Amino acid sequence: MKNLIRAFSTAQIAPDASKLPDSIEWMPAGRHSICCSKDDAPAEIEVNVDEELVSVLNEQLQAARALADAGKASRPYIDFDHAGGEAAAIPTEFFWADGIRLRVEWTAAGAAAVSGRVYSYFSPEFFADKYGKERRSLRWVRLAPSSIPPLFKKSSA
């Protein structure tokens, strides 16, 4: 898929392993230069994350959930390592809180992996346009916990 970006969040999923969060940081606010993979090749790109993107992402998530509820598509889920296998969590809502956050319901496997610190970070996948902003026509893209530390190089609000 052209312009598919895979990056790693700057924040730990659960800094306190004794308490699972009900949301995770999908991407911090502001303009960022990130080291990532673009179409499976190493890349460094600029992304601009603003509050306007939350409604776009949430509309897409809710549409995907509605299709799943109607039996027309698989339920959106967060998998492990972008492998398309076992679910780590079920995404329920994107919202803004000094960046884009995603409310989640953890599966037993995801809860065990995060609380046991097998997975400490989060890896979003998204499509970027030539200006470095997420496409307004973004379709649902996989998300995954990651054991790899963050690759954001710098940011400014």
N, C-alpha and C. Protein backbone atom coordinates (compact mmCIF):
# COMPACT_ATOMS: atom_id res chain seq x y z
N MET A 1 0.83 -1.17 0.00
CA MET A 1 0.00 0.00 0.00
C MET A 1 0.88 1.24 0.00
N LYS A 2 0.68 2.12 -0.95
CA LYS A 2 1.50 3.31 -1.07
C LYS A 2 1.28 4.26 0.10
N ASN A 3 2.40 4.78 0.62
CA ASN A 3 2.41 5.75 1.72
C ASN A 3 1.91 5.19 3.05
N LEU A 4 2.06 3.89 3.27
CA LEU A 4 1.71 3.30 4.56
C LEU A 4 2.86 3.55 5.52
N ILE A 5 2.56 4.25 6.62
CA ILE A 5 3.57 4.62 7.60
C ILE A 5 3.36 3.78 8.86
N ARG A 6 4.46 3.25 9.40
CA ARG A 6 4.43 2.54 10.67
C ARG A 6 5.43 3.24 11.58
N ALA A 7 4.96 3.74 12.72
CA ALA A 7 5.82 4.46 13.66
C ALA A 7 5.59 3.91 15.05
N PHE A 8 6.29 4.47 16.02
CA PHE A 8 6.16 4.04 17.41
C PHE A 8 5.87 5.24 18.29
N SER A 9 4.96 5.09 19.21
CA SER A 9 4.58 6.18 20.09
C SER A 9 5.70 6.53 21.05
N THR A 10 5.69 7.77 21.50
CA THR A 10 6.71 8.24 22.45
C THR A 10 6.37 7.89 23.88
N ALA A 11 5.15 7.48 24.14
CA ALA A 11 4.70 7.22 25.51
C ALA A 11 4.55 5.72 25.76
N GLN A 12 4.90 5.30 26.97
CA GLN A 12 4.67 3.91 27.34
C GLN A 12 3.16 3.67 27.42
N ILE A 13 2.74 2.45 27.12
CA ILE A 13 1.33 2.11 27.21
C ILE A 13 0.85 2.24 28.64
N ALA A 14 1.58 1.65 29.57
CA ALA A 14 1.19 1.66 30.98
C ALA A 14 2.43 1.89 31.85
N PRO A 15 2.74 3.16 32.14
CA PRO A 15 3.91 3.43 32.99
C PRO A 15 3.83 2.71 34.34
N ASP A 16 2.62 2.54 34.85
CA ASP A 16 2.38 1.78 36.09
C ASP A 16 1.76 0.45 35.68
N ALA A 17 2.55 -0.62 35.67
CA ALA A 17 2.08 -1.92 35.19
C ALA A 17 0.95 -2.50 36.04
N SER A 18 0.73 -1.95 37.23
CA SER A 18 -0.34 -2.48 38.07
C SER A 18 -1.71 -1.94 37.66
N LYS A 19 -1.73 -0.95 36.75
CA LYS A 19 -3.01 -0.36 36.33
C LYS A 19 -3.02 -0.18 34.82
N LEU A 20 -3.90 -0.93 34.14
CA LEU A 20 -4.03 -0.79 32.69
C LEU A 20 -4.78 0.49 32.37
N PRO A 21 -4.31 1.27 31.41
CA PRO A 21 -5.02 2.49 31.04
C PRO A 21 -6.26 2.15 30.20
N ASP A 22 -7.24 3.05 30.21
CA ASP A 22 -8.41 2.85 29.36
C ASP A 22 -8.21 3.53 28.00
N SER A 23 -7.06 4.22 27.84
CA SER A 23 -6.73 4.82 26.55
C SER A 23 -5.22 4.82 26.37
N ILE A 24 -4.81 4.92 25.10
CA ILE A 24 -3.38 4.97 24.78
C ILE A 24 -3.13 6.17 23.87
N GLU A 25 -1.90 6.68 23.93
CA GLU A 25 -1.53 7.77 23.03
C GLU A 25 -1.34 7.21 21.64
N TRP A 26 -2.14 7.70 20.69
CA TRP A 26 -2.01 7.26 19.30
C TRP A 26 -0.92 8.06 18.62
N MET A 27 -0.91 9.39 18.87
CA MET A 27 0.15 10.24 18.36
C MET A 27 0.12 11.57 19.11
N PRO A 28 1.30 12.06 19.54
CA PRO A 28 1.34 13.31 20.28
C PRO A 28 1.05 14.52 19.39
N ALA A 29 0.57 15.60 20.01
CA ALA A 29 0.23 16.83 19.28
C ALA A 29 1.46 17.49 18.70
N GLY A 30 1.29 18.17 17.60
CA GLY A 30 2.33 19.01 17.02
C GLY A 30 2.97 18.44 15.78
N ARG A 31 4.00 19.13 15.32
CA ARG A 31 4.75 18.72 14.14
C ARG A 31 5.93 17.90 14.63
N HIS A 32 6.14 16.76 13.97
CA HIS A 32 7.18 15.82 14.39
C HIS A 32 7.98 15.32 13.19
N SER A 33 9.26 15.18 13.39
CA SER A 33 10.11 14.47 12.44
C SER A 33 10.26 13.08 13.02
N ILE A 34 9.80 12.07 12.29
CA ILE A 34 9.83 10.71 12.83
C ILE A 34 10.64 9.77 11.95
N CYS A 35 11.34 8.86 12.60
CA CYS A 35 11.98 7.74 11.91
C CYS A 35 10.95 6.61 11.94
N CYS A 36 10.67 6.04 10.80
CA CYS A 36 9.59 5.07 10.70
C CYS A 36 9.86 4.15 9.52
N SER A 37 8.88 3.35 9.18
CA SER A 37 8.95 2.64 7.91
C SER A 37 7.84 3.20 7.02
N LYS A 38 8.17 3.40 5.77
CA LYS A 38 7.20 3.86 4.78
C LYS A 38 7.18 2.82 3.68
N ASP A 39 6.04 2.18 3.53
CA ASP A 39 5.92 1.09 2.55
C ASP A 39 7.00 0.04 2.77
N ASP A 40 7.25 -0.30 4.05
CA ASP A 40 8.20 -1.31 4.50
C ASP A 40 9.67 -0.96 4.27
N ALA A 41 9.98 0.30 3.99
CA ALA A 41 11.38 0.74 3.86
C ALA A 41 11.65 1.82 4.90
N PRO A 42 12.87 1.88 5.46
CA PRO A 42 13.18 2.91 6.45
C PRO A 42 12.97 4.31 5.86
N ALA A 43 12.44 5.21 6.69
CA ALA A 43 12.17 6.57 6.22
C ALA A 43 12.21 7.54 7.39
N GLU A 44 12.39 8.80 7.05
CA GLU A 44 12.22 9.88 8.02
C GLU A 44 11.24 10.85 7.38
N ILE A 45 10.13 11.12 8.06
CA ILE A 45 9.12 12.00 7.51
C ILE A 45 8.67 13.01 8.56
N GLU A 46 8.03 14.06 8.09
CA GLU A 46 7.41 15.05 8.97
C GLU A 46 5.92 14.75 9.03
N VAL A 47 5.35 14.78 10.23
CA VAL A 47 3.90 14.66 10.38
C VAL A 47 3.42 15.82 11.24
N ASN A 48 2.21 16.26 10.96
CA ASN A 48 1.59 17.33 11.73
C ASN A 48 0.30 16.78 12.33
N VAL A 49 0.25 16.71 13.64
CA VAL A 49 -0.89 16.12 14.34
C VAL A 49 -1.68 17.23 15.02
N ASP A 50 -2.92 17.41 14.57
CA ASP A 50 -3.76 18.44 15.17
C ASP A 50 -5.12 17.87 15.53
N GLU A 51 -5.88 18.64 16.27
CA GLU A 51 -7.17 18.18 16.80
C GLU A 51 -8.17 17.85 15.70
N GLU A 52 -8.03 18.49 14.55
CA GLU A 52 -8.93 18.26 13.42
C GLU A 52 -8.92 16.79 12.97
N LEU A 53 -7.80 16.12 13.14
CA LEU A 53 -7.68 14.73 12.69
C LEU A 53 -8.51 13.76 13.54
N VAL A 54 -8.83 14.14 14.79
CA VAL A 54 -9.56 13.24 15.67
C VAL A 54 -10.92 12.88 15.10
N SER A 55 -11.66 13.87 14.60
CA SER A 55 -12.99 13.56 14.08
C SER A 55 -12.91 12.67 12.85
N VAL A 56 -11.90 12.88 12.00
CA VAL A 56 -11.72 12.04 10.81
C VAL A 56 -11.46 10.59 11.22
N LEU A 57 -10.51 10.40 12.13
CA LEU A 57 -10.18 9.05 12.59
C LEU A 57 -11.36 8.40 13.31
N ASN A 58 -12.04 9.17 14.15
CA ASN A 58 -13.16 8.60 14.91
C ASN A 58 -14.32 8.22 13.99
N GLU A 59 -14.60 9.04 12.97
CA GLU A 59 -15.65 8.69 12.01
C GLU A 59 -15.33 7.36 11.33
N GLN A 60 -14.07 7.17 10.95
CA GLN A 60 -13.67 5.94 10.29
C GLN A 60 -13.77 4.74 11.23
N LEU A 61 -13.34 4.94 12.46
CA LEU A 61 -13.43 3.85 13.44
C LEU A 61 -14.88 3.47 13.69
N GLN A 62 -15.74 4.46 13.90
CA GLN A 62 -17.14 4.16 14.18
C GLN A 62 -17.83 3.51 12.98
N ALA A 63 -17.45 3.93 11.77
CA ALA A 63 -18.01 3.29 10.56
C ALA A 63 -17.57 1.83 10.48
N ALA A 64 -16.30 1.56 10.81
CA ALA A 64 -15.81 0.18 10.79
C ALA A 64 -16.51 -0.65 11.86
N ARG A 65 -16.74 -0.06 13.02
CA ARG A 65 -17.45 -0.78 14.09
C ARG A 65 -18.90 -1.07 13.68
N ALA A 66 -19.53 -0.11 13.01
CA ALA A 66 -20.92 -0.30 12.56
C ALA A 66 -21.00 -1.43 11.54
N LEU A 67 -20.05 -1.49 10.61
CA LEU A 67 -20.03 -2.59 9.64
C LEU A 67 -19.85 -3.93 10.35
N ALA A 68 -19.01 -3.97 11.34
CA ALA A 68 -18.81 -5.21 12.11
C ALA A 68 -20.08 -5.59 12.85
N ASP A 69 -20.73 -4.61 13.48
CA ASP A 69 -21.98 -4.88 14.21
C ASP A 69 -23.07 -5.40 13.28
N ALA A 70 -23.04 -4.96 12.01
CA ALA A 70 -24.03 -5.40 11.03
C ALA A 70 -23.63 -6.73 10.37
N GLY A 71 -22.49 -7.28 10.75
CA GLY A 71 -22.04 -8.55 10.19
C GLY A 71 -21.45 -8.43 8.80
N LYS A 72 -21.05 -7.22 8.40
CA LYS A 72 -20.53 -7.00 7.05
C LYS A 72 -19.01 -6.90 7.00
N ALA A 73 -18.35 -6.88 8.14
CA ALA A 73 -16.89 -6.79 8.18
C ALA A 73 -16.41 -7.32 9.52
N SER A 74 -15.13 -7.57 9.60
CA SER A 74 -14.54 -7.99 10.87
C SER A 74 -14.46 -6.81 11.82
N ARG A 75 -14.52 -7.09 13.10
CA ARG A 75 -14.42 -6.05 14.13
C ARG A 75 -13.01 -5.45 14.11
N PRO A 76 -12.91 -4.11 14.19
CA PRO A 76 -11.58 -3.51 14.32
C PRO A 76 -10.93 -3.97 15.62
N TYR A 77 -9.63 -4.22 15.57
CA TYR A 77 -8.94 -4.62 16.79
C TYR A 77 -7.48 -4.21 16.71
N ILE A 78 -6.85 -4.16 17.85
CA ILE A 78 -5.42 -3.90 17.94
C ILE A 78 -4.75 -5.26 18.09
N ASP A 79 -3.84 -5.56 17.17
CA ASP A 79 -3.18 -6.87 17.22
C ASP A 79 -1.76 -6.72 17.77
N PHE A 80 -1.06 -7.82 17.87
CA PHE A 80 0.33 -7.81 18.32
C PHE A 80 1.26 -7.74 17.12
N ASP A 81 2.20 -6.83 17.14
CA ASP A 81 3.26 -6.74 16.13
C ASP A 81 2.77 -6.58 14.69
N HIS A 82 1.60 -6.04 14.49
CA HIS A 82 1.02 -5.85 13.14
C HIS A 82 0.91 -7.18 12.38
N ALA A 83 0.73 -8.26 13.11
CA ALA A 83 0.73 -9.58 12.48
C ALA A 83 -0.66 -10.04 12.04
N GLY A 84 -1.71 -9.33 12.45
CA GLY A 84 -3.05 -9.71 12.04
C GLY A 84 -3.60 -10.91 12.78
N GLY A 85 -3.00 -11.27 13.90
CA GLY A 85 -3.43 -12.44 14.66
C GLY A 85 -4.27 -12.07 15.87
N GLU A 86 -3.85 -12.56 17.01
CA GLU A 86 -4.59 -12.41 18.27
C GLU A 86 -4.79 -10.93 18.63
N ALA A 87 -5.98 -10.63 19.14
CA ALA A 87 -6.30 -9.25 19.53
C ALA A 87 -5.69 -8.91 20.88
N ALA A 88 -5.10 -7.72 20.96
CA ALA A 88 -4.58 -7.19 22.22
C ALA A 88 -5.62 -6.28 22.88
N ALA A 89 -6.39 -5.57 22.05
CA ALA A 89 -7.42 -4.66 22.56
C ALA A 89 -8.42 -4.36 21.47
N ILE A 90 -9.57 -3.85 21.90
CA ILE A 90 -10.62 -3.42 20.98
C ILE A 90 -10.69 -1.90 21.05
N PRO A 91 -10.47 -1.19 19.94
CA PRO A 91 -10.55 0.27 19.95
C PRO A 91 -12.01 0.72 19.98
N THR A 92 -12.30 1.72 20.81
CA THR A 92 -13.70 2.18 20.90
C THR A 92 -13.90 3.62 20.49
N GLU A 93 -12.87 4.49 20.67
CA GLU A 93 -13.07 5.90 20.34
C GLU A 93 -11.73 6.63 20.30
N PHE A 94 -11.55 7.47 19.27
CA PHE A 94 -10.44 8.42 19.24
C PHE A 94 -10.90 9.70 19.94
N PHE A 95 -9.99 10.35 20.67
CA PHE A 95 -10.30 11.64 21.27
C PHE A 95 -9.02 12.45 21.42
N TRP A 96 -9.16 13.75 21.70
CA TRP A 96 -8.02 14.66 21.82
C TRP A 96 -7.74 14.94 23.29
N ALA A 97 -6.51 14.76 23.70
CA ALA A 97 -6.03 15.14 25.03
C ALA A 97 -4.54 15.40 24.89
N ASP A 98 -4.18 16.62 24.43
CA ASP A 98 -2.80 16.99 24.14
C ASP A 98 -2.18 16.01 23.15
N GLY A 99 -2.96 15.64 22.17
CA GLY A 99 -2.57 14.68 21.14
C GLY A 99 -3.74 13.75 20.89
N ILE A 100 -3.58 12.86 19.95
CA ILE A 100 -4.64 11.91 19.63
C ILE A 100 -4.50 10.70 20.53
N ARG A 101 -5.58 10.39 21.23
CA ARG A 101 -5.62 9.22 22.11
C ARG A 101 -6.71 8.28 21.59
N LEU A 102 -6.57 7.03 21.96
CA LEU A 102 -7.53 6.01 21.54
C LEU A 102 -8.01 5.26 22.77
N ARG A 103 -9.31 5.32 23.00
CA ARG A 103 -9.91 4.57 24.11
C ARG A 103 -9.98 3.10 23.68
N VAL A 104 -9.61 2.20 24.60
CA VAL A 104 -9.55 0.78 24.27
C VAL A 104 -10.17 -0.07 25.37
N GLU A 105 -10.58 -1.27 24.99
CA GLU A 105 -10.98 -2.32 25.92
C GLU A 105 -9.97 -3.44 25.73
N TRP A 106 -9.19 -3.74 26.76
CA TRP A 106 -8.13 -4.74 26.66
C TRP A 106 -8.70 -6.16 26.62
N THR A 107 -8.12 -7.01 25.80
CA THR A 107 -8.44 -8.44 25.84
C THR A 107 -7.60 -9.05 26.96
N ALA A 108 -7.89 -10.28 27.32
CA ALA A 108 -7.09 -10.96 28.35
C ALA A 108 -5.63 -11.06 27.92
N ALA A 109 -5.40 -11.38 26.63
CA ALA A 109 -4.03 -11.49 26.13
C ALA A 109 -3.31 -10.14 26.15
N GLY A 110 -4.01 -9.08 25.75
CA GLY A 110 -3.43 -7.74 25.75
C GLY A 110 -3.14 -7.26 27.16
N ALA A 111 -4.08 -7.49 28.07
CA ALA A 111 -3.88 -7.09 29.47
C ALA A 111 -2.66 -7.79 30.07
N ALA A 112 -2.52 -9.07 29.79
CA ALA A 112 -1.38 -9.82 30.32
C ALA A 112 -0.06 -9.33 29.71
N ALA A 113 -0.07 -9.05 28.42
CA ALA A 113 1.15 -8.60 27.74
C ALA A 113 1.60 -7.22 28.23
N VAL A 114 0.64 -6.32 28.47
CA VAL A 114 0.99 -4.98 28.93
C VAL A 114 1.34 -4.97 30.42
N SER A 115 0.52 -5.60 31.23
CA SER A 115 0.80 -5.59 32.68
C SER A 115 2.05 -6.41 33.00
N GLY A 116 2.36 -7.42 32.20
CA GLY A 116 3.58 -8.19 32.39
C GLY A 116 4.80 -7.55 31.74
N ARG A 117 4.60 -6.39 31.11
CA ARG A 117 5.65 -5.61 30.45
C ARG A 117 6.32 -6.34 29.30
N VAL A 118 5.60 -7.30 28.71
CA VAL A 118 6.09 -7.94 27.48
C VAL A 118 6.04 -6.91 26.35
N TYR A 119 5.00 -6.07 26.36
CA TYR A 119 4.84 -4.97 25.42
C TYR A 119 4.75 -3.68 26.22
N SER A 120 5.56 -2.67 25.82
CA SER A 120 5.60 -1.42 26.56
C SER A 120 5.20 -0.19 25.75
N TYR A 121 5.28 -0.28 24.43
CA TYR A 121 4.99 0.87 23.58
C TYR A 121 3.88 0.52 22.60
N PHE A 122 3.49 1.51 21.81
CA PHE A 122 2.39 1.35 20.88
C PHE A 122 2.84 1.77 19.50
N SER A 123 2.44 1.05 18.49
CA SER A 123 2.86 1.31 17.11
C SER A 123 1.65 1.56 16.22
N PRO A 124 1.39 2.83 15.85
CA PRO A 124 0.28 3.10 14.92
C PRO A 124 0.71 2.94 13.47
N GLU A 125 -0.21 2.58 12.62
CA GLU A 125 -0.01 2.61 11.17
C GLU A 125 -1.00 3.62 10.61
N PHE A 126 -0.55 4.41 9.63
CA PHE A 126 -1.43 5.39 9.02
C PHE A 126 -0.91 5.71 7.63
N PHE A 127 -1.73 6.39 6.84
CA PHE A 127 -1.32 6.85 5.53
C PHE A 127 -0.99 8.33 5.63
N ALA A 128 0.10 8.76 5.02
CA ALA A 128 0.49 10.18 5.03
C ALA A 128 0.45 10.72 3.62
N ASP A 129 -0.03 11.95 3.49
CA ASP A 129 -0.01 12.58 2.17
C ASP A 129 1.34 13.27 1.97
N LYS A 130 1.52 13.91 0.83
CA LYS A 130 2.82 14.51 0.52
C LYS A 130 3.16 15.68 1.42
N TYR A 131 2.17 16.19 2.17
CA TYR A 131 2.42 17.30 3.09
C TYR A 131 2.72 16.81 4.50
N GLY A 132 2.72 15.48 4.72
CA GLY A 132 3.06 14.95 6.02
C GLY A 132 1.89 14.85 6.98
N LYS A 133 0.68 15.16 6.51
CA LYS A 133 -0.48 15.02 7.39
C LYS A 133 -1.22 13.75 6.99
N GLU A 134 -1.90 13.15 7.96
CA GLU A 134 -2.67 11.96 7.65
C GLU A 134 -3.72 12.31 6.59
N ARG A 135 -3.94 11.39 5.70
CA ARG A 135 -4.94 11.62 4.65
C ARG A 135 -6.33 11.77 5.27
N ARG A 136 -7.10 12.63 4.69
CA ARG A 136 -8.47 12.81 5.16
C ARG A 136 -9.36 11.63 4.76
N SER A 137 -8.88 10.82 3.81
CA SER A 137 -9.64 9.66 3.37
C SER A 137 -9.09 8.36 3.96
N LEU A 138 -8.37 8.48 5.05
CA LEU A 138 -7.76 7.31 5.70
C LEU A 138 -8.78 6.22 5.97
N ARG A 139 -8.45 4.99 5.60
CA ARG A 139 -9.30 3.87 5.97
C ARG A 139 -8.73 3.28 7.25
N TRP A 140 -9.50 2.40 7.89
CA TRP A 140 -9.04 1.81 9.14
C TRP A 140 -7.71 1.11 8.91
N VAL A 141 -6.72 1.38 9.76
CA VAL A 141 -5.39 0.81 9.65
C VAL A 141 -5.05 0.11 10.94
N ARG A 142 -4.28 -0.95 10.86
CA ARG A 142 -3.92 -1.74 12.06
C ARG A 142 -3.12 -0.95 13.08
N LEU A 143 -3.25 -1.35 14.31
CA LEU A 143 -2.51 -0.78 15.43
C LEU A 143 -1.92 -1.94 16.20
N ALA A 144 -0.80 -1.73 16.87
CA ALA A 144 -0.19 -2.85 17.59
C ALA A 144 0.64 -2.39 18.77
N PRO A 145 0.57 -3.14 19.88
CA PRO A 145 1.54 -2.90 20.94
C PRO A 145 2.92 -3.28 20.40
N SER A 146 3.95 -2.68 20.96
CA SER A 146 5.30 -2.94 20.49
C SER A 146 6.25 -3.02 21.67
N SER A 147 7.29 -3.83 21.54
CA SER A 147 8.32 -3.89 22.56
C SER A 147 9.51 -3.02 22.18
N ILE A 148 9.41 -2.33 21.03
CA ILE A 148 10.48 -1.46 20.54
C ILE A 148 10.29 -0.05 21.08
N PRO A 149 11.35 0.60 21.56
CA PRO A 149 11.20 1.95 22.08
C PRO A 149 10.82 2.95 21.00
N PRO A 150 10.37 4.14 21.39
CA PRO A 150 9.87 5.14 20.45
C PRO A 150 10.94 5.65 19.51
N LEU A 151 10.51 6.06 18.31
CA LEU A 151 11.43 6.57 17.32
C LEU A 151 11.15 8.02 16.93
N PHE A 152 10.34 8.73 17.70
CA PHE A 152 10.13 10.13 17.41
C PHE A 152 11.43 10.87 17.71
N LYS A 153 11.90 11.69 16.78
CA LYS A 153 13.18 12.36 16.96
C LYS A 153 13.03 13.71 17.66
N LYS A 154 12.05 14.50 17.24
CA LYS A 154 11.88 15.82 17.82
C LYS A 154 10.43 16.23 17.61
N SER A 155 9.98 17.17 18.40
CA SER A 155 8.63 17.66 18.19
C SER A 155 8.54 19.09 18.64
N SER A 156 7.54 19.76 18.08
CA SER A 156 7.22 21.11 18.53
C SER A 156 5.73 21.29 18.38
N ALA A 157 5.12 21.96 19.32
CA ALA A 157 3.66 22.15 19.29
C ALA A 157 3.28 23.20 18.29
